[in-house]
Amino acid sequence: MLGIGVLAAAGGLLAPIAARGDVIGAAVAFTLHGSHGYRITVIAASRRANGRGEILVFAQRKRSSVMYAAPATVSDAHVEADLGALGRVDAQFVASGAVESERSECGDKPTQFDGGAYVGTIAFRGEEGYTEASATSVPVKYRPILNLVCAGAVAGESTGQGLPGARLLIRSARHRWSVRINENRPGARMRYSAELHEQSGEVAISRSTKGVVPSRAFSFDTSRGSARLDPPAPFSGAATFTRDAVPRKRWTGSLAIDFPGRSNLSLTGPDVRTSLVPARYTVYKPHGS
């Protein structure tokens, strides 16, 4: 199941998907197995007569993912996109003559489509070598698109005096990244989520990672406005928050984080803003899941 941030970015691709009865029209969707345990999902579509559209490439493994968005030329029979140093997609649709059907993960009515494969050049190389994938033929699979409409678990947060837990928010508007740390009581497990948004030529890149780590990685006192963060991988180093210190000494240390394709991103410095508040983090699951 793709995350909420991915759903928002991919939403623009759902509208152009034309349907003839129950048969999906001008859209592309397929999946590759990447190295180091990553799954590479490609979705592309266009609403224009000249085929100008967009391609999304998702690289996902466990709790980390990267989404790449780039211009593409898309039709019923062909998809072409230049991802620069990241790779290239230039493939022709070859129909099998069969009508296939797939169902989303949430069990909706099956959707039918023309079976076949995309044949040609399909290559992706993640930055810093975190994954690679290539193929000369991949079967069309529309399940990745269908799964975008499935409702997944939603996280919520309440804040206010009297709550035993805390939320530490670390962010840099200038460098377009943020890290959220939550712990529902002192000594509980720490949850983290982090996002980084970048641009490389015509390719927009969104990296994310999240997880849960044992206690002792995050200690805090919200009444005093102080905290210390010393978590394990994908973090390195440590940092200290002191609310009453002068701004340049409020958040200090050597804390960094590794994203897929972007390692050792420093989480301290003059452009970083940090806040600490009493909070409780809750995960809400859809009814019946």
Protein backbone atom coordinates (compact mmCIF):
# COMPACT_ATOMS: atom_id res chain seq x y z
CA MET A 1 0.00 0.00 0.00
CA LEU A 2 1.45 3.34 -1.04
CA GLY A 3 1.69 6.10 1.57
CA ILE A 4 -0.47 9.21 1.85
CA GLY A 5 2.21 11.48 0.36
CA VAL A 6 2.52 9.17 -2.63
CA LEU A 7 -1.24 9.11 -3.08
CA ALA A 8 -1.36 12.90 -3.28
CA ALA A 9 1.40 13.04 -5.86
CA ALA A 10 -0.04 10.19 -7.91
CA GLY A 11 -3.57 11.57 -7.86
CA GLY A 12 -2.94 13.67 -10.96
CA LEU A 13 -2.29 10.50 -12.94
CA LEU A 14 -5.59 8.84 -12.11
CA ALA A 15 -7.78 11.37 -13.94
CA PRO A 16 -6.28 10.79 -17.42
CA ILE A 17 -6.95 7.03 -17.30
CA ALA A 18 -9.71 6.53 -19.85
CA ALA A 19 -12.06 3.57 -19.63
CA ARG A 20 -13.99 1.82 -22.37
CA GLY A 21 -16.60 -0.01 -20.35
CA ASP A 22 -14.47 -1.96 -17.88
CA VAL A 23 -11.31 -1.80 -20.01
CA ILE A 24 -8.57 0.63 -19.01
CA GLY A 25 -7.35 2.84 -21.86
CA ALA A 26 -4.30 5.13 -22.20
CA ALA A 27 -2.22 4.41 -19.12
CA VAL A 28 0.91 2.46 -18.32
CA ALA A 29 1.61 0.38 -15.22
CA PHE A 30 4.16 -2.33 -14.52
CA THR A 31 6.51 -3.54 -11.79
CA LEU A 32 10.18 -4.53 -11.74
CA HIS A 33 12.28 -6.28 -9.12
CA GLY A 34 15.17 -4.01 -8.17
CA SER A 35 18.41 -4.93 -6.44
CA HIS A 36 18.80 -4.84 -2.65
CA GLY A 37 15.20 -5.84 -2.08
CA TYR A 38 13.50 -2.86 -3.75
CA ARG A 39 10.32 -3.10 -5.81
CA ILE A 40 10.14 -0.63 -8.70
CA THR A 41 6.64 0.39 -9.79
CA VAL A 42 6.11 2.51 -12.90
CA ILE A 43 2.87 4.40 -13.60
CA ALA A 44 2.43 6.79 -16.53
CA ALA A 45 -0.52 8.52 -18.22
CA SER A 46 -1.47 11.44 -20.44
CA ARG A 47 -4.68 13.36 -21.05
CA ARG A 48 -3.38 15.24 -24.10
CA ALA A 49 -3.84 14.37 -27.77
CA ASN A 50 -0.08 14.74 -28.39
CA GLY A 51 0.69 12.22 -25.65
CA ARG A 52 2.53 14.61 -23.35
CA GLY A 53 2.07 13.37 -19.81
CA GLU A 54 3.95 12.27 -16.73
CA ILE A 55 5.68 9.19 -15.44
CA LEU A 56 5.99 8.20 -11.78
CA VAL A 57 8.65 5.73 -10.69
CA PHE A 58 8.32 4.36 -7.15
CA ALA A 59 11.22 2.52 -5.49
CA GLN A 60 10.02 0.85 -2.28
CA ARG A 61 11.48 -1.42 0.38
CA LYS A 62 9.98 -2.06 3.79
CA ARG A 63 9.53 1.38 5.39
CA SER A 64 11.54 3.45 2.90
CA SER A 65 10.52 4.73 -0.52
CA VAL A 66 11.48 7.20 -3.23
CA MET A 67 9.14 8.65 -5.85
CA TYR A 68 10.42 10.19 -9.09
CA ALA A 69 8.12 12.28 -11.30
CA ALA A 70 9.17 13.32 -14.81
CA PRO A 71 7.67 14.35 -18.16
CA ALA A 72 6.77 11.46 -20.46
CA THR A 73 5.16 10.72 -23.81
CA VAL A 74 2.39 8.18 -23.31
CA SER A 75 -0.08 6.50 -25.67
CA ASP A 76 -1.99 3.23 -25.86
CA ALA A 77 0.97 1.70 -27.66
CA HIS A 78 4.10 3.45 -26.38
CA VAL A 79 5.72 5.09 -23.37
CA GLU A 80 8.91 7.14 -23.45
CA ALA A 81 10.62 9.06 -20.64
CA ASP A 82 14.19 10.29 -20.15
CA LEU A 83 15.18 10.19 -16.49
CA GLY A 84 18.71 11.45 -17.10
CA ALA A 85 21.30 9.70 -14.94
CA LEU A 86 18.49 7.72 -13.32
CA GLY A 87 17.68 5.78 -16.47
CA ARG A 88 15.23 5.62 -19.34
CA VAL A 89 11.94 4.07 -20.38
CA ASP A 90 11.28 3.61 -24.13
CA ALA A 91 8.94 0.70 -24.66
CA GLN A 92 6.23 -0.42 -27.07
CA PHE A 93 3.08 -2.22 -25.97
CA VAL A 94 2.76 -5.66 -27.55
CA ALA A 95 -0.71 -7.11 -27.06
CA SER A 96 -1.12 -10.79 -26.19
CA GLY A 97 -4.64 -10.95 -27.60
CA ALA A 98 -6.09 -11.86 -24.22
CA VAL A 99 -8.27 -9.76 -21.94
CA GLU A 100 -6.98 -9.92 -18.38
CA SER A 101 -8.43 -8.70 -15.09
CA GLU A 102 -6.99 -7.56 -11.80
CA ARG A 103 -8.44 -6.59 -8.46
CA SER A 104 -7.13 -4.01 -6.02
CA GLU A 105 -5.87 -4.97 -2.57
CA CYS A 106 -9.09 -3.67 -1.06
CA GLY A 107 -11.13 -6.25 -2.98
CA ASP A 108 -13.12 -4.06 -5.38
CA LYS A 109 -14.77 -5.30 -8.56
CA PRO A 110 -12.14 -6.72 -11.00
CA THR A 111 -11.00 -4.37 -13.76
CA GLN A 112 -10.41 -5.78 -17.23
CA PHE A 113 -7.70 -4.65 -19.63
CA ASP A 114 -5.87 -5.77 -22.76
CA GLY A 115 -3.13 -8.20 -21.76
CA GLY A 116 0.39 -7.91 -23.09
CA ALA A 117 3.83 -6.57 -22.33
CA TYR A 118 5.93 -3.44 -22.74
CA VAL A 119 8.96 -4.32 -24.87
CA GLY A 120 12.05 -2.12 -25.30
CA THR A 121 14.40 -0.25 -22.98
CA ILE A 122 13.43 -0.15 -19.31
CA ALA A 123 16.27 0.83 -16.99
CA PHE A 124 16.48 2.53 -13.59
CA ARG A 125 19.54 3.33 -11.45
CA GLY A 126 19.03 4.77 -7.99
CA GLU A 127 21.40 7.44 -6.71
CA GLU A 128 24.38 6.17 -4.68
CA GLY A 129 23.59 2.67 -6.01
CA TYR A 130 20.78 1.96 -3.55
CA THR A 131 18.97 -0.09 -6.22
CA GLU A 132 19.03 -0.93 -9.93
CA ALA A 133 16.49 -2.54 -12.24
CA SER A 134 16.35 -3.25 -15.95
CA ALA A 135 14.32 -5.31 -18.41
CA THR A 136 13.58 -5.59 -22.10
CA SER A 137 10.04 -6.89 -21.56
CA VAL A 138 7.63 -6.52 -18.63
CA PRO A 139 3.98 -7.59 -18.44
CA VAL A 140 1.40 -4.85 -18.06
CA LYS A 141 -0.02 -4.76 -14.53
CA TYR A 142 -2.71 -2.27 -13.55
CA ARG A 143 -2.97 -3.37 -9.94
CA PRO A 144 -0.56 -0.61 -8.79
CA ILE A 145 -3.02 1.99 -10.11
CA LEU A 146 -6.04 0.22 -8.63
CA ASN A 147 -4.35 0.03 -5.22
CA LEU A 148 -4.06 3.82 -5.07
CA VAL A 149 -7.74 4.09 -4.18
CA CYS A 150 -7.52 1.61 -1.27
CA ALA A 151 -7.91 3.12 2.18
CA GLY A 152 -4.94 2.39 4.41
CA ALA A 153 -4.14 3.11 8.03
CA VAL A 154 -4.18 6.81 8.94
CA ALA A 155 -2.01 8.36 11.63
CA GLY A 156 -3.36 11.04 13.94
CA GLU A 157 -1.80 13.22 16.59
CA SER A 158 -3.22 15.13 19.55
CA THR A 159 -1.26 17.83 21.35
CA GLY A 160 -1.82 19.72 24.57
CA GLN A 161 -0.67 20.16 28.13
CA GLY A 162 -1.03 17.12 30.35
CA LEU A 163 -0.20 14.50 27.73
CA PRO A 164 2.64 12.23 28.86
CA GLY A 165 4.24 11.91 25.43
CA ALA A 166 6.03 14.31 23.12
CA ARG A 167 6.50 15.28 19.49
CA LEU A 168 9.78 16.72 18.28
CA LEU A 169 9.55 18.33 14.85
CA ILE A 170 12.79 19.09 12.98
CA ARG A 171 12.57 20.82 9.61
CA SER A 172 14.34 22.95 7.05
CA ALA A 173 12.08 24.91 4.72
CA ARG A 174 15.07 26.02 2.67
CA HIS A 175 16.28 22.48 2.02
CA ARG A 176 12.77 20.96 1.92
CA TRP A 177 13.04 18.23 4.50
CA SER A 178 11.32 17.40 7.77
CA VAL A 179 11.65 14.79 10.51
CA ARG A 180 8.92 14.00 13.05
CA ILE A 181 9.69 12.14 16.28
CA ASN A 182 6.88 10.80 18.51
CA GLU A 183 6.92 8.97 21.82
CA ASN A 184 3.69 8.46 23.78
CA ARG A 185 5.35 8.31 27.19
CA PRO A 186 8.89 8.41 28.56
CA GLY A 187 10.59 5.08 27.93
CA ALA A 188 8.13 3.96 25.23
CA ARG A 189 9.15 3.04 21.69
CA MET A 190 9.99 5.99 19.45
CA ARG A 191 8.27 6.47 16.08
CA TYR A 192 9.88 8.53 13.37
CA SER A 193 8.95 9.70 9.89
CA ALA A 194 11.08 11.76 7.54
CA GLU A 195 10.65 13.33 4.11
CA LEU A 196 13.02 15.02 1.67
CA HIS A 197 11.95 16.77 -1.56
CA GLU A 198 14.44 17.56 -4.32
CA GLN A 199 14.62 18.54 -7.99
CA SER A 200 17.15 17.17 -10.48
CA GLY A 201 16.61 18.75 -13.89
CA GLU A 202 13.08 17.86 -14.95
CA VAL A 203 12.81 15.08 -12.37
CA ALA A 204 11.06 15.82 -9.05
CA ILE A 205 12.20 13.49 -6.26
CA SER A 206 10.45 12.72 -2.96
CA ARG A 207 12.21 10.46 -0.46
CA SER A 208 10.66 9.13 2.73
CA THR A 209 11.46 6.76 5.54
CA LYS A 210 9.70 5.82 8.75
CA GLY A 211 10.01 3.30 11.53
CA VAL A 212 9.82 2.37 15.19
CA VAL A 213 12.89 2.01 17.39
CA PRO A 214 13.33 0.84 21.01
CA SER A 215 13.18 3.13 24.00
CA ARG A 216 16.14 5.24 25.13
CA ALA A 217 16.58 6.74 21.66
CA PHE A 218 14.53 9.81 22.66
CA SER A 219 14.45 11.41 26.09
CA PHE A 220 12.43 14.53 26.83
CA ASP A 221 10.90 16.84 29.41
CA THR A 222 8.18 18.93 27.78
CA SER A 223 7.59 21.02 30.92
CA ARG A 224 11.22 22.16 30.87
CA GLY A 225 11.35 22.26 27.06
CA SER A 226 14.33 19.94 26.71
CA ALA A 227 15.03 16.79 24.74
CA ARG A 228 17.87 14.58 23.53
CA LEU A 229 17.74 12.45 20.40
CA ASP A 230 20.25 9.62 19.95
CA PRO A 231 18.56 7.07 17.64
CA PRO A 232 19.95 4.08 15.71
CA ALA A 233 20.09 3.67 11.91
CA PRO A 234 18.98 5.19 9.61
CA PHE A 235 20.15 8.00 11.92
CA SER A 236 23.69 8.69 13.05
CA GLY A 237 25.02 11.04 15.69
CA ALA A 238 22.90 12.79 18.31
CA ALA A 239 21.40 16.19 19.05
CA THR A 240 19.97 18.17 21.97
CA PHE A 241 17.03 20.57 22.12
CA THR A 242 16.91 23.35 24.76
CA ARG A 243 13.89 25.63 24.37
CA ASP A 244 15.18 28.45 26.56
CA ALA A 245 18.59 28.71 24.89
CA VAL A 246 19.40 31.41 22.34
CA PRO A 247 18.20 30.37 18.83
CA ARG A 248 21.60 29.33 17.51
CA LYS A 249 22.12 27.04 20.54
CA ARG A 250 18.56 25.74 20.83
CA TRP A 251 19.21 22.68 18.60
CA THR A 252 22.80 21.43 18.58
CA GLY A 253 24.67 18.24 17.79
CA SER A 254 25.79 15.94 14.98
CA LEU A 255 22.50 14.22 14.08
CA ALA A 256 22.14 13.01 10.47
CA ILE A 257 19.85 10.62 8.57
CA ASP A 258 20.16 8.30 5.57
CA PHE A 259 17.48 8.32 2.88
CA PRO A 260 17.57 5.89 -0.06
CA GLY A 261 19.79 7.64 -2.59
CA ARG A 262 20.76 10.47 -0.21
CA SER A 263 22.89 9.43 2.73
CA ASN A 264 24.18 11.39 5.71
CA LEU A 265 21.82 14.36 5.45
CA SER A 266 22.66 16.70 8.33
CA LEU A 267 19.72 17.50 10.61
CA THR A 268 21.37 20.39 12.43
CA GLY A 269 22.57 23.81 11.33
CA PRO A 270 21.46 27.46 11.07
CA ASP A 271 18.55 26.75 8.67
CA VAL A 272 16.96 24.11 10.90
CA ARG A 273 13.88 24.88 13.00
CA THR A 274 12.85 22.63 15.88
CA SER A 275 9.84 22.46 18.22
CA LEU A 276 8.88 20.23 21.15
CA VAL A 277 5.28 19.82 22.41
CA PRO A 278 3.32 17.35 24.56
CA ALA A 279 1.63 14.93 22.17
CA ARG A 280 0.05 11.54 21.59
CA TYR A 281 0.40 9.60 18.32
CA THR A 282 -2.34 7.18 17.23
CA VAL A 283 -2.77 4.93 14.19
CA TYR A 284 -6.36 4.50 12.98
CA LYS A 285 -7.16 1.48 10.82
CA PRO A 286 -10.13 1.33 8.42
CA HIS A 287 -13.18 -0.57 9.63
CA GLY A 288 -12.88 -4.25 8.87
CA SER A 289 -9.13 -4.21 8.11
